[in-house]
Protein backbone atom coordinates (compact mmCIF):
# COMPACT_ATOMS: atom_id res chain seq x y z
CA MET A 1 -4.72 -11.04 -41.99
CA THR A 2 -4.28 -9.78 -38.62
CA LEU A 3 -1.87 -7.35 -37.15
CA ASN A 4 -1.06 -8.05 -33.21
CA PRO A 5 2.11 -6.08 -31.91
CA ARG A 6 3.15 -6.23 -28.52
CA LEU A 7 3.66 -3.62 -26.27
CA SER A 8 6.01 -3.95 -23.35
CA LEU A 9 6.32 -1.07 -21.29
CA ALA A 10 9.87 -0.36 -19.78
CA PHE A 11 10.52 0.24 -16.58
CA ASN A 12 13.84 2.09 -15.12
CA GLY A 13 13.31 0.47 -11.52
CA ARG A 14 9.29 2.50 -10.62
CA CYS A 15 7.02 -0.67 -12.44
CA ARG A 16 5.67 -1.64 -9.49
CA GLU A 17 4.85 1.75 -9.16
CA ALA A 18 3.48 2.63 -12.25
CA LEU A 19 1.18 -0.09 -12.83
CA ALA A 20 -0.47 0.95 -9.62
CA PHE A 21 -1.14 3.75 -10.80
CA TYR A 22 -2.15 2.82 -14.03
CA GLU A 23 -4.91 0.79 -11.68
CA ARG A 24 -5.88 3.84 -9.77
CA SER A 25 -5.90 6.30 -13.40
CA LEU A 26 -7.13 3.89 -16.03
CA GLY A 27 -8.29 0.85 -14.32
CA ALA A 28 -5.61 -1.39 -15.70
CA THR A 29 -6.02 -5.29 -13.80
CA ILE A 30 -3.07 -6.25 -12.98
CA VAL A 31 -3.05 -10.04 -14.29
CA GLY A 32 0.24 -11.48 -13.85
CA LEU A 33 3.20 -9.63 -11.98
CA PHE A 34 6.33 -12.21 -11.66
CA THR A 35 9.75 -10.40 -9.42
CA PHE A 36 13.48 -10.76 -10.36
CA GLY A 37 13.75 -12.67 -6.65
CA ASN A 38 11.39 -15.55 -7.69
CA SER A 39 12.31 -15.94 -11.15
CA PRO A 40 15.55 -18.59 -11.86
CA MET A 41 17.50 -16.24 -12.69
CA ALA A 42 17.98 -14.36 -9.09
CA GLY A 43 21.35 -14.95 -9.17
CA ASP A 44 21.68 -12.79 -12.24
CA ALA A 45 20.02 -9.47 -10.88
CA PRO A 46 21.17 -6.58 -10.24
CA PRO A 47 22.02 -5.58 -6.32
CA GLY A 48 18.79 -4.86 -4.35
CA TRP A 49 16.12 -5.84 -7.62
CA ALA A 50 14.93 -8.99 -5.76
CA ASP A 51 11.40 -7.42 -5.83
CA LYS A 52 11.95 -5.34 -9.04
CA VAL A 53 9.26 -6.74 -11.63
CA MET A 54 10.94 -9.23 -14.58
CA HIS A 55 7.29 -9.62 -15.84
CA ALA A 56 3.97 -8.28 -15.54
CA THR A 57 0.84 -8.41 -18.05
CA VAL A 58 -1.41 -6.19 -17.22
CA ALA A 59 -5.13 -5.80 -18.82
CA LEU A 60 -6.85 -2.47 -19.99
CA GLY A 61 -9.94 -2.95 -21.61
CA ASN A 62 -10.33 -5.53 -23.88
CA THR A 63 -6.09 -5.32 -24.27
CA THR A 64 -3.56 -6.29 -22.48
CA PHE A 65 -0.10 -5.15 -22.41
CA THR A 66 3.34 -6.43 -20.69
CA ALA A 67 5.95 -4.35 -18.08
CA SER A 68 8.84 -4.58 -16.41
CA ASP A 69 11.90 -3.02 -14.75
CA VAL A 70 15.22 -2.77 -16.91
CA PRO A 71 18.44 -2.98 -15.31
CA PRO A 72 20.22 0.79 -15.01
CA HIS A 73 22.62 -0.56 -17.74
CA GLU A 74 20.67 -1.41 -19.93
CA TYR A 75 17.89 1.37 -19.67
CA GLU A 76 17.25 3.75 -22.22
CA ARG A 77 13.96 6.10 -21.57
CA PRO A 78 11.26 5.51 -24.57
CA GLN A 79 11.25 7.71 -27.38
CA GLY A 80 10.27 7.46 -30.83
CA PHE A 81 6.38 5.87 -29.70
CA SER A 82 3.23 6.71 -27.68
CA VAL A 83 0.22 4.79 -26.59
CA LEU A 84 -2.55 5.71 -28.20
CA LEU A 85 -5.65 5.59 -25.51
CA GLY A 86 -9.05 5.55 -27.62
CA VAL A 87 -11.55 6.54 -25.39
CA GLY A 88 -14.96 6.99 -26.82
CA ASP A 89 -16.55 10.34 -24.91
CA PRO A 90 -14.88 13.54 -24.54
CA ALA A 91 -15.46 13.50 -20.78
CA ASP A 92 -14.01 10.42 -20.49
CA ALA A 93 -10.79 11.39 -22.13
CA GLU A 94 -11.30 14.47 -20.13
CA ARG A 95 -10.75 12.84 -17.58
CA VAL A 96 -8.18 10.28 -18.35
CA PHE A 97 -5.65 12.60 -20.44
CA GLN A 98 -5.77 14.46 -16.63
CA ALA A 99 -5.03 11.75 -14.28
CA LEU A 100 -2.31 10.24 -16.52
CA ALA A 101 -0.40 13.60 -16.59
CA GLU A 102 -0.57 14.03 -12.79
CA ASN A 103 3.34 14.72 -12.39
CA GLY A 104 3.67 14.23 -15.73
CA THR A 105 5.06 16.40 -18.73
CA ILE A 106 1.67 17.62 -20.91
CA THR A 107 3.63 17.66 -24.89
CA TRP A 108 -0.20 18.34 -26.16
CA PRO A 109 -3.71 20.00 -24.89
CA ILE A 110 -6.08 18.30 -24.78
CA GLN A 111 -7.95 19.86 -27.30
CA GLU A 112 -10.42 19.57 -30.39
CA THR A 113 -8.35 18.74 -33.49
CA PHE A 114 -9.92 18.72 -37.09
CA TRP A 115 -9.30 14.26 -35.98
CA ALA A 116 -11.06 14.49 -33.11
CA VAL A 117 -13.54 15.98 -30.04
CA ARG A 118 -10.51 15.29 -27.88
CA PHE A 119 -6.98 15.25 -28.43
CA GLY A 120 -3.25 15.22 -25.80
CA ALA A 121 -0.56 13.70 -25.43
CA LEU A 122 1.79 13.99 -22.66
CA VAL A 123 4.69 12.26 -20.97
CA ASP A 124 3.90 10.65 -18.00
CA GLN A 125 5.94 11.18 -14.31
CA PHE A 126 7.15 7.77 -15.03
CA GLY A 127 8.77 8.59 -18.96
CA ILE A 128 5.92 6.87 -21.06
CA PRO A 129 4.30 8.89 -23.49
CA TRP A 130 0.72 8.60 -24.16
CA SER A 131 -1.83 9.84 -26.67
CA VAL A 132 -5.10 9.96 -25.67
CA ASN A 133 -7.73 9.75 -29.27
CA CYS A 134 -11.30 10.78 -28.92
CA GLU A 135 -12.50 10.69 -33.02
CA GLN A 136 -14.90 12.52 -34.37
CA ALA A 137 -16.86 10.56 -36.76
CA PRO A 138 -15.36 10.44 -40.55
CA GLU A 139 -16.41 12.32 -43.55
CA PRO A 140 -17.93 10.33 -46.11
CA ARG A 141 -15.65 9.47 -49.03
C-alpha cells in the first residue's frame, strides 16, 4: 500500500512570484504553467487575472506539487499544516531554512532537537508554512 497525498499550494495572486522564489531558494523547477487567460474559463476569471496562474506543476527533488492563484473571494490563508522538507545535510538545512525565511516569519528557529540534527519552522513571505528537518539516526529498537 502507498499513500501519495496531493500537495497543492494556493496563493492570493502571487503564485508566479512565489514559484520564482522557490526556483531560486530551493532549486525547484516549473514543469508546466497555465494562466487563467489561456484557459477555457478565461471569461470567468476576475478582472485583471488573465496572467495569474490557474495551474502550475513544480518539481522539487523527486517530488512534484501543484500551485495556483485563488481568486480573492475564494482565498483562505493556509493553516493547519506545513510543507516538510527533509534535508540530509545540516548545512543544507540551515541554507534552505534561511532562504525560505527571507521576508517571512520564523515560528521555530532552526536548531538541534531530540529527533533532528536541525529542525526549524517558518511561514514564508507568501503565507506558506514550512518545516525544515534534518533527522538524526534513530535510536535502536
